[in-house]
């Protein structure tokens, strides 16, 4: 049996805006050729999750991100931001 290739790995992701934590330690993997839908009510941090993955969360001064996010096995904080956004845009 062939093990599917992980494209995105999120481990213990936490996100706070100032003192308010909006993402509370979530973890998941997305595999090659897998389709993932992120659904939830308004103000449930769906967009914030995507902004963490593509690093646009860095434009928000009060945001603090913890945990690990990897795309193609490489931590997003170690990747060239422009290539990262082109890849996952």
Protein backbone atom coordinates (compact mmCIF):
# COMPACT_ATOMS: atom_id res chain seq x y z
CA UNK A 1 0.00 0.00 0.00
CA UNK A 2 1.32 3.43 -0.96
CA UNK A 3 1.31 6.12 1.73
CA UNK A 4 -0.34 9.33 0.47
CA UNK A 5 1.90 12.38 0.18
CA UNK A 6 1.21 15.14 2.72
CA UNK A 7 0.88 18.54 1.06
CA UNK A 8 -0.09 20.62 4.13
CA UNK A 9 0.57 19.75 7.78
CA UNK A 10 -0.81 21.82 10.63
CA UNK A 11 0.24 20.89 14.17
CA UNK A 12 -1.11 22.55 17.33
CA UNK A 13 -1.91 25.82 15.53
CA UNK A 14 -2.79 28.64 17.90
CA UNK A 15 -3.67 32.18 16.89
CA UNK A 16 -4.31 35.17 19.12
CA UNK A 17 -5.28 38.73 18.33
CA UNK A 18 -3.92 40.55 21.35
CA UNK A 19 -5.23 38.73 24.46
CA UNK A 20 -8.05 36.92 22.57
CA UNK A 21 -7.18 33.43 21.32
CA UNK A 22 -9.23 32.62 18.19
CA UNK A 23 -7.64 29.30 17.12
CA UNK A 24 -7.10 26.90 19.99
CA UNK A 25 -4.49 24.30 19.02
CA UNK A 26 -5.87 22.63 15.89
CA UNK A 27 -4.02 19.92 13.95
CA UNK A 28 -4.75 18.34 10.57
CA UNK A 29 -3.10 17.07 7.40
CA UNK A 30 -4.10 17.59 3.78
CA UNK A 31 -2.89 14.95 1.36
CA UNK A 32 -2.11 15.16 -2.35
CA UNK A 33 -5.29 15.14 -4.49
CA UNK A 34 -7.47 15.58 -1.39
CA UNK A 35 -10.16 18.25 -1.33
CA UNK A 36 -10.75 20.05 1.96
CA UNK A 37 -13.59 22.41 2.74
CA UNK A 38 -13.36 24.78 5.69
CA UNK A 39 -16.86 25.59 6.92
CA UNK A 40 -18.27 27.23 10.01
CA UNK A 41 -20.31 30.15 11.25
CA UNK A 42 -19.28 33.79 10.88
CA UNK A 43 -16.36 34.83 13.08
CA UNK A 44 -15.13 31.24 13.56
CA UNK A 45 -11.57 31.98 12.27
CA UNK A 46 -11.90 30.34 8.82
CA UNK A 47 -10.17 33.23 7.07
CA UNK A 48 -7.64 33.55 9.88
CA UNK A 49 -6.65 29.90 9.34
CA UNK A 50 -6.03 30.53 5.64
CA UNK A 51 -4.10 33.71 6.46
CA UNK A 52 -1.82 31.67 8.76
CA UNK A 53 -1.12 29.14 6.01
CA UNK A 54 -0.24 31.74 3.36
CA UNK A 55 1.45 34.09 5.88
CA UNK A 56 -0.76 37.11 5.19
CA UNK A 57 -1.49 37.05 8.94
CA UNK A 58 1.90 38.79 9.27
CA UNK A 59 0.23 42.03 8.11
CA UNK A 60 -1.79 42.12 11.36
CA UNK A 61 0.39 43.62 14.09
CA UNK A 62 -1.57 42.18 17.04
CA UNK A 63 -1.58 38.60 15.67
CA UNK A 64 0.53 35.94 17.39
CA UNK A 65 0.83 32.54 15.71
CA UNK A 66 2.04 29.38 17.44
CA UNK A 67 2.41 25.81 16.25
CA UNK A 68 3.77 24.36 13.05
CA UNK A 69 2.49 24.77 9.49
CA UNK A 70 4.30 22.92 6.71
CA UNK A 71 3.65 22.99 2.98
CA UNK A 72 5.38 20.21 1.02
CA UNK A 73 7.29 19.29 4.18
CA UNK A 74 8.84 22.74 4.70
CA UNK A 75 7.80 25.11 7.50
CA UNK A 76 6.01 28.10 5.94
CA UNK A 77 8.15 30.49 8.00
CA UNK A 78 11.27 29.13 6.26
CA UNK A 79 9.88 29.49 2.72
CA UNK A 80 10.12 32.47 0.44
CA UNK A 81 6.79 34.20 1.04
CA UNK A 82 6.17 35.03 -2.62
CA UNK A 83 6.82 31.46 -3.79
CA UNK A 84 4.66 30.13 -0.95
CA UNK A 85 1.71 32.32 -1.96
CA UNK A 86 2.16 31.42 -5.62
CA UNK A 87 2.10 27.74 -4.68
CA UNK A 88 -0.99 27.82 -2.46
CA UNK A 89 -2.66 31.00 -3.76
